[in-house]
């Protein structure tokens, strides 16, 4: 029996696992049930499974019959703090938590690729290392897994992202930068409280914050090379206790910086601090920036991308496209920093059934019966192709 036939046989189990995970979503570093279910499944295959990596991550090792190279297959497993509105019979049973990015599908795909390839041990030279990573949505899970040693001896990395904005059957990839570095920051603006009727007796941090929201965009429009890209977004503004007649002591602005170029990333992080402090000081207040550094840019290795393209072209023909870089972040970047690899997109949308909502939307869903089998085959064949040299 060939690989395609075996994966086809596994489709009902793959879809059932994805929907089970969808019913029981878990947030970053809380993926205890998900991790346990995966570990049980992988251990039953006879794989060497290590649990509890980076709290809730796990790794399963499939060793071939003879020595060779090692390829790491990465899947993320966490959900988002969103109240689900799909109405699906497999909708989330955990209020306020939802798989709205396809990680339930990623986990099920990787587990079933492990199942299919475990039957080919005698034909495999080298090792397949399946890593199920927590906390991708807060880009905090990859680094501790790597620090725990999952990348030791790894020669190449492969991963995928189901994508609802591509119709099922389509596949997308590109060499080089494919996703941006994503850094979060909190900007505390301090002023001096006063009655709203006597603003001259205080220093209004809300007004300073408003000027900062506008001024920060000059770093994109005037300090970013037009041939490069950057995004600065202020997503949350908090000030006061709800009263309409009190100028508060401070305001808090939360935002994100997105870049592809490492030098530009460093420059803008520094300039956000300088501009915030300088403008606030000029208006009589002060400002401090606290960073939560995220992951670097996701960069595909050109040679690994070409390997993948050859495999995908044979499978889907002209439904393989080159996707443009996107400003979303993903800590798959940490793995790709340490070994050559490829991260590709598999279409999972179906507009006819309404399964084409954007990622992180409360009505997000995927065409799992069509997307999962194709994704599993491409993932399996790409990993095997690298091991074969």
Foldseek 3Di string as FASTA:
>chain_A
DDLLVLLVVCLVVLVVQLLLCQQEAAAFLGCQVVLVVLVVLLVVLVWDKDAQQLNGKIKTKQAAPAAFAEEEEEAERHWAQAAADQPDPSHYPDGRTGRQFCSSSQSSLLSVLSNSCSVVRHVFHHMYMYIYWGDFVVQPTPVSNVVVPSCVRHAEYEYEGEFQQAAFLFKAFDAWFAEWFKKKKKKKKFKAKDWQVCCVVIQAQVVLVVVLQVVLCCCQVPVDDPVFHKDKDFDDKDFDDPDPTMRGGIIMTMIMMIGQDPVSVVVSVVVSQVVSQVSSVVRPIGMGMDMDGHAHTAGAHVVLVVLLVVVVCVVRNPSYDYDHHDHHDGNVSVVCVPHHYTYMYGYFHDVVVPQRDGGPDSNHDGNSSRGSSVVSVSRSVSSRVVRVD
